[in-house]
Every structure is written in structure tokens, then in C-alpha cells.
Protein backbone atom coordinates (compact mmCIF):
# COMPACT_ATOMS: atom_id res chain seq x y z
CA UNK A 1 12.28 28.13 -24.69
CA UNK A 2 9.16 27.92 -26.84
CA UNK A 3 7.66 24.51 -27.62
CA UNK A 4 8.39 23.06 -31.05
CA UNK A 5 5.25 23.08 -33.19
CA UNK A 6 4.23 21.85 -36.63
CA UNK A 7 3.36 18.18 -36.59
CA UNK A 8 3.10 18.16 -32.79
CA UNK A 9 -0.59 19.11 -32.68
CA UNK A 10 -2.35 22.18 -31.24
CA UNK A 11 -0.36 25.37 -30.82
CA UNK A 12 1.42 25.02 -27.48
CA UNK A 13 2.51 28.66 -27.62
CA UNK A 14 -1.03 29.80 -26.69
CA UNK A 15 -3.16 29.11 -23.60
CA UNK A 16 -5.98 28.00 -25.90
CA UNK A 17 -3.77 25.43 -27.62
CA UNK A 18 -2.41 24.14 -24.32
CA UNK A 19 -5.96 23.83 -22.96
CA UNK A 20 -7.03 21.90 -26.05
CA UNK A 21 -4.22 19.42 -25.39
CA UNK A 22 -5.19 19.17 -21.72
CA UNK A 23 -8.83 18.40 -22.56
CA UNK A 24 -7.75 15.73 -25.03
CA UNK A 25 -5.56 14.15 -22.34
CA UNK A 26 -8.51 14.27 -19.94
CA UNK A 27 -10.52 12.11 -22.34
CA UNK A 28 -7.69 9.58 -22.48
CA UNK A 29 -7.45 9.63 -18.67
CA UNK A 30 -11.19 8.98 -18.32
CA UNK A 31 -10.85 6.02 -20.65
CA UNK A 32 -8.07 4.60 -18.46
CA UNK A 33 -10.14 5.39 -15.37
CA UNK A 34 -13.06 3.40 -16.73
CA UNK A 35 -10.74 0.44 -17.16
CA UNK A 36 -9.64 0.82 -13.54
CA UNK A 37 -13.21 0.86 -12.26
CA UNK A 38 -14.04 -2.23 -14.30
CA UNK A 39 -11.11 -4.08 -12.69
CA UNK A 40 -11.48 -2.69 -9.15
CA UNK A 41 -11.80 -5.60 -6.73
CA UNK A 42 -11.31 -8.09 -9.58
CA UNK A 43 -7.55 -8.68 -9.47
CA UNK A 44 -6.58 -12.32 -9.75
CA UNK A 45 -3.64 -14.20 -8.26
CA UNK A 46 -0.51 -13.37 -10.22
CA UNK A 47 -1.74 -9.91 -11.34
CA UNK A 48 0.14 -8.10 -8.56
CA UNK A 49 3.92 -8.07 -8.15
CA UNK A 50 6.64 -6.06 -6.37
CA UNK A 51 9.12 -3.71 -8.06
CA UNK A 52 11.87 -1.80 -6.20
CA UNK A 53 10.69 -2.99 -2.77
CA UNK A 54 8.10 -5.32 -1.30
CA UNK A 55 5.78 -2.35 -0.71
CA UNK A 56 6.27 -0.99 -4.25
CA UNK A 57 3.56 -2.80 -6.20
CA UNK A 58 2.46 -2.92 -9.81
CA UNK A 59 -0.63 -4.64 -11.20
CA UNK A 60 -1.73 -5.76 -14.63
CA UNK A 61 -4.15 -2.82 -14.50
CA UNK A 62 -1.22 -0.36 -14.21
CA UNK A 63 0.30 -1.90 -17.33
CA UNK A 64 -2.97 -2.05 -19.29
CA UNK A 65 -3.70 1.60 -18.51
CA UNK A 66 -0.20 2.72 -19.44
CA UNK A 67 -0.38 0.92 -22.77
CA UNK A 68 -3.77 2.50 -23.48
CA UNK A 69 -2.53 6.00 -22.65
CA UNK A 70 0.68 5.59 -24.64
CA UNK A 71 -1.33 4.41 -27.64
CA UNK A 72 -3.64 7.42 -27.44
CA UNK A 73 -0.76 9.89 -27.04
CA UNK A 74 1.21 8.37 -29.91
CA UNK A 75 -1.87 8.56 -32.13
CA UNK A 76 -2.91 12.13 -31.31
CA UNK A 77 0.49 13.74 -30.58
CA UNK A 78 3.01 11.75 -32.63
CA UNK A 79 5.80 14.32 -32.17
CA UNK A 80 5.63 14.22 -28.38
CA UNK A 81 7.94 12.14 -26.20
CA UNK A 82 6.58 9.99 -23.37
CA UNK A 83 8.07 9.13 -19.98
CA UNK A 84 5.71 6.76 -18.18
CA UNK A 85 6.12 4.97 -14.88
CA UNK A 86 6.19 1.37 -15.97
CA UNK A 87 7.37 0.56 -19.50
CA UNK A 88 7.93 3.59 -21.75
CA UNK A 89 10.74 6.14 -21.54
CA UNK A 90 11.67 7.99 -24.72
CA UNK A 91 15.12 9.52 -25.04
CA UNK A 92 15.62 12.88 -23.32
CA UNK A 93 15.21 15.92 -25.58
CA UNK A 94 14.75 19.26 -23.83
CA UNK A 95 13.13 20.87 -26.89
CA UNK A 96 10.55 18.16 -27.51
CA UNK A 97 7.22 18.22 -25.65
CA UNK A 98 7.27 15.37 -23.15
CA UNK A 99 4.43 13.61 -21.34
CA UNK A 100 5.01 12.33 -17.82
CA UNK A 101 2.44 9.59 -17.29
CA UNK A 102 1.45 7.75 -14.14
CA UNK A 103 -1.27 5.38 -15.34
CA UNK A 104 -2.37 4.43 -11.82
CA UNK A 105 -1.03 6.61 -9.03
CA UNK A 106 -2.00 5.03 -5.72
CA UNK A 107 -1.63 1.39 -6.75
CA UNK A 108 -1.65 0.17 -3.15
CA UNK A 109 -4.92 2.04 -2.56
CA UNK A 110 -6.34 0.46 -5.73
CA UNK A 111 -5.37 -3.03 -4.58
CA UNK A 112 -7.02 -2.44 -1.20
CA UNK A 113 -10.09 -0.84 -2.86
CA UNK A 114 -9.46 2.54 -1.26
CA UNK A 115 -10.75 5.40 -3.47
CA UNK A 116 -7.60 7.57 -3.54
CA UNK A 117 -6.08 6.47 -6.85
CA UNK A 118 -5.76 8.43 -10.08
CA UNK A 119 -4.50 8.74 -13.63
CA UNK A 120 -1.87 11.51 -13.85
CA UNK A 121 -0.63 13.09 -17.11
CA UNK A 122 1.58 16.16 -17.37
CA UNK A 123 3.03 17.77 -20.51
CA UNK A 124 6.33 19.66 -20.29
CA UNK A 125 8.91 21.28 -22.51
CA UNK A 126 12.14 21.17 -20.55
CA UNK A 127 11.21 22.26 -17.02
CA UNK A 128 8.17 24.21 -18.16
CA UNK A 129 4.78 22.60 -17.43
CA UNK A 130 2.20 23.20 -20.18
CA UNK A 131 -0.80 20.95 -19.58
CA UNK A 132 -2.00 18.60 -16.86
CA UNK A 133 -4.71 16.13 -15.95
CA UNK A 134 -5.37 14.23 -12.74
CA UNK A 135 -8.41 11.97 -12.99
CA UNK A 136 -9.66 10.11 -9.90
CA UNK A 137 -12.22 7.65 -11.32
CA UNK A 138 -13.58 6.24 -8.05
CA UNK A 139 -14.24 9.81 -6.87
CA UNK A 140 -15.60 10.93 -10.27
CA UNK A 141 -13.26 13.93 -10.26
CA UNK A 142 -11.19 15.28 -13.14
CA UNK A 143 -8.67 18.07 -12.52
CA UNK A 144 -7.39 19.91 -15.61
CA UNK A 145 -4.87 22.72 -16.02
CA UNK A 146 -3.07 24.51 -18.84
CA UNK A 147 -0.36 27.11 -18.47
CA UNK A 148 -2.00 30.53 -18.55
CA UNK A 149 -5.54 29.11 -18.57
CA UNK A 150 -6.11 28.26 -14.90
CA UNK A 151 -7.07 25.00 -13.18
CA UNK A 152 -10.47 23.33 -12.92
CA UNK A 153 -12.22 20.47 -11.17
CA UNK A 154 -15.01 18.95 -13.27
CA UNK A 155 -15.07 22.19 -15.26
CA UNK A 156 -15.24 24.56 -12.26
CA UNK A 157 -12.33 26.89 -11.51
CA UNK A 158 -10.32 26.05 -8.39
CA UNK A 159 -7.97 28.02 -6.13
CA UNK A 160 -5.47 27.14 -3.44
CA UNK A 161 -6.36 27.67 0.21
CA UNK A 162 -6.35 31.12 1.75
CA UNK A 163 -4.97 29.72 5.03
CA UNK A 164 -1.86 31.64 6.09
CA UNK A 165 -0.71 29.94 9.32
CA UNK A 166 0.54 26.38 9.74
CA UNK A 167 -1.36 26.15 13.02
CA UNK A 168 -4.59 26.42 11.02
CA UNK A 169 -3.50 24.16 8.16
CA UNK A 170 -4.15 20.60 7.04
CA UNK A 171 -0.89 19.48 5.43
CA UNK A 172 -0.30 16.30 3.44
CA UNK A 173 2.79 14.22 2.80
CA UNK A 174 3.87 10.68 1.96
CA UNK A 175 6.65 8.20 2.57
CA UNK A 176 8.93 6.28 0.17
CA UNK A 177 8.50 2.56 -0.43
CA UNK A 178 12.17 1.99 0.47
CA UNK A 179 11.82 3.91 3.73
CA UNK A 180 13.83 1.36 5.73
CA UNK A 181 16.81 1.83 3.36
CA UNK A 182 16.98 5.62 2.87
CA UNK A 183 18.86 8.03 5.15
CA UNK A 184 16.01 10.56 5.03
CA UNK A 185 12.71 8.71 4.88
CA UNK A 186 10.67 11.85 5.75
CA UNK A 187 9.75 10.60 9.22
CA UNK A 188 11.76 13.34 10.98
CA UNK A 189 9.96 15.97 8.89
CA UNK A 190 6.63 14.39 9.82
CA UNK A 191 7.56 14.49 13.51
CA UNK A 192 8.61 18.13 13.24
CA UNK A 193 5.45 19.25 11.40
CA UNK A 194 3.16 17.16 13.60
CA UNK A 195 3.50 19.72 16.38
CA UNK A 196 3.07 22.75 14.11
CA UNK A 197 -0.10 22.07 12.10
CA UNK A 198 -3.81 21.48 12.62
CA UNK A 199 -3.55 18.07 11.00
CA UNK A 200 -1.38 15.84 8.82
CA UNK A 201 -2.74 13.60 6.08
CA UNK A 202 -1.20 10.74 4.11
CA UNK A 203 -3.45 9.93 1.14
CA UNK A 204 -1.18 7.45 -0.64
CA UNK A 205 -1.29 9.30 -3.98
CA UNK A 206 0.95 12.26 -4.72
CA UNK A 207 -1.23 13.20 -7.69
CA UNK A 208 -4.31 13.47 -5.49
CA UNK A 209 -2.38 15.30 -2.75
CA UNK A 210 -1.35 17.96 -5.28
CA UNK A 211 -4.79 18.13 -6.89
CA UNK A 212 -6.39 18.60 -3.48
CA UNK A 213 -3.84 21.29 -2.67
CA UNK A 214 -4.81 23.08 -5.88
CA UNK A 215 -8.47 22.84 -4.87
CA UNK A 216 -7.81 24.18 -1.34
CA UNK A 217 -8.98 20.96 0.33
CA UNK A 218 -5.45 20.38 1.57
CA UNK A 219 -3.71 23.59 2.57
CA UNK A 220 -0.17 22.53 1.60
CA UNK A 221 1.89 19.49 0.71
CA UNK A 222 5.45 18.23 0.73
CA UNK A 223 7.10 14.93 -0.11
CA UNK A 224 10.51 13.40 -0.83
CA UNK A 225 11.72 10.59 -3.12
CA UNK A 226 9.09 11.02 -5.84
CA UNK A 227 9.40 10.41 -9.57
CA UNK A 228 8.53 13.01 -12.22
CA UNK A 229 5.43 11.02 -13.17
CA UNK A 230 4.14 11.36 -9.59
CA UNK A 231 4.04 15.16 -9.54
CA UNK A 232 4.30 16.55 -13.07
CA UNK A 233 0.55 17.02 -13.50
CA UNK A 234 -0.33 18.01 -9.95
CA UNK A 235 2.36 20.68 -9.83
CA UNK A 236 0.81 22.59 -12.72
CA UNK A 237 -2.61 22.31 -11.10
CA UNK A 238 -1.22 24.02 -7.99
CA UNK A 239 0.55 26.74 -9.98
CA UNK A 240 -2.50 27.51 -12.10
CA UNK A 241 -4.63 27.59 -8.95
CA UNK A 242 -2.45 30.37 -7.53
CA UNK A 243 0.05 28.37 -5.48
CA UNK A 244 3.80 27.86 -5.48
CA UNK A 245 5.71 24.67 -6.30
CA UNK A 246 9.44 24.26 -5.60
CA UNK A 247 11.93 21.73 -4.31
CA UNK A 248 12.54 21.63 -0.55
CA UNK A 249 15.21 24.34 -0.84
CA UNK A 250 12.81 26.71 -2.55
CA UNK A 251 14.46 26.12 -5.95
CA UNK A 252 13.12 25.07 -9.34
CA UNK A 253 14.60 21.55 -9.51
CA UNK A 254 11.54 19.75 -8.14
CA UNK A 255 10.65 17.74 -11.26
CA UNK A 256 13.87 15.71 -11.33
CA UNK A 257 15.04 16.12 -7.72
CA UNK A 258 12.19 14.00 -6.36
CA UNK A 259 11.37 16.47 -3.57
CA UNK A 260 8.49 18.94 -3.72
CA UNK A 261 6.79 21.60 -1.59
CA UNK A 262 3.48 23.05 -2.76
CA UNK A 263 0.84 25.43 -1.48
CA UNK A 264 -0.13 29.09 -1.09
CA UNK A 265 2.79 31.46 -0.63
CA UNK A 266 2.77 31.83 3.16
CA UNK A 267 2.41 28.11 3.90
CA UNK A 268 4.90 27.21 1.19
CA UNK A 269 7.44 29.56 2.76
CA UNK A 270 6.82 28.02 6.22
CA UNK A 271 7.27 24.48 4.91
CA UNK A 272 10.48 25.31 3.05
CA UNK A 273 11.86 26.63 6.34
CA UNK A 274 10.98 23.42 8.20
CA UNK A 275 11.34 20.53 5.75
CA UNK A 276 14.73 18.87 5.23
CA UNK A 277 15.38 17.07 1.95
């Protein structure tokens, strides 16, 4: 299915048009990132609250950044739909370009002044990823991808790892906030992989895990119980960096299923064989 054009902005049917959109989104993400840096370590009492679980936190900074990003997207791409983490969810329309926005992925890290937090923005039509940005302001790193145009980190092309064996791999994952309530909280997968890999990492930001996988810093990644906003951008980064992204069964339902496996082909295949969703 080709993206609908006309009043929707640059031509999403070409890599050049998709890259133009991605670079525009990167500017919006940097603006939100600057707001995050200005507020880092400055949260006041009452500016942090819980959502679905005590561990699942949202701050006033999350909300301020989401409102900023939504305003920019509405202004520059008025025909696009938006599905953001906190407040905005336009009606589903498979033919309309749709932004998945996580204004502050890694909120717990942000609250604790750990550097692994990011702005994540991914543009899709249906299940097809077209453009992506992951901006980590504390690390001064901006990852950008467009379908057919590759993936970059601060303007330099990136590629997934060339590691082929799990025994030589650093693999990342994460755990759901409601892990004491869910039948599969990913701990059994962690135990299983712990004995198979060089090392396991838990960064606390799915967007950064996927961006690092695209850059070859992390060899591969899997996680369960995610939202589309968590992985929409990072998944395209991995694909455009030469990797594979699927659900845990090796299928194409990762965006809405909440479960994802990403990495170079050989490691992706090994993880799909081991990880249970």
C-alpha cells in the first residue's frame, strides 16, 4: 500500500521524501530533548506520578515534550495521524501516515538522572515503517532512518553487528512494569539466555536498545510487553542498518503484538529459537 500524498507533506513514495520527513522530525526531537536537559534533576514534588503500576511513571516533562512534539507534527504534517504514549491517539486509519511518539522513553532513568533516555518518533503507513528518529539528549546522539535511505548516527552511516554466535554476543532486553502480574514477565527468557551469551544488558529504554542494536553496539535485542511507541522508530533503524525485526515467532506482527526480536540475521534466528512470548 502506497502512502497517501497531497497535503501530507514531502513525497513519502521516495527515499528522498521519507528522509526529508525524518530530518524534520529530528529537529522536533532535538527541541524536546533540549527541554528534557533543562529539566533534568529539577523535578519538583508532585511532578511525578504512577500510571498502570507503581513502577510505571510519568512526569510533567513527558507531558510537556509530548505536547511540543504533537504541536510540531500537526503544524508541519497536518494530514498525518498521531499515536503518542501519554495523551494523543488519533483514530486508526491504515491508509493514513501515522506517527508513533514516545516523548520520553526511559522515564525512570530520567527521574534518577541516568543518561539512557530518549525521544522516539516513528512514521508508518499500516505496518510499513517509513521514517524514524531516536534522539538521546544526555548522550548528544541522534539516530535517523528512512525506508530505502539507510540509518545514521549524528550523520554517519551505521550497521548492525557482524557477530554471528550468541556466545560472542552482548544481548539486551527489558522487563514490564507489571512484571509481578503477568504470566510471562520475561524472567525465564533472561535465565535461559544468561547461559548462552557473552553478556546481557538492561538499559531501561527500548528505543535506545534498538538504536544501539542498529549501531552494532548491542549485538541483538528482544523484549515483551512493549507498546508501539516504544519500538516503532528503533525497529526501522535496525532494518535500515541491515538487521531483521520480527515478533518472537519470527512473524511480522511485532508493532502491535508488543513482542520484538531484532538483530543481524544469525543472532535474530538464534533468539527466535530461544525466546518464548
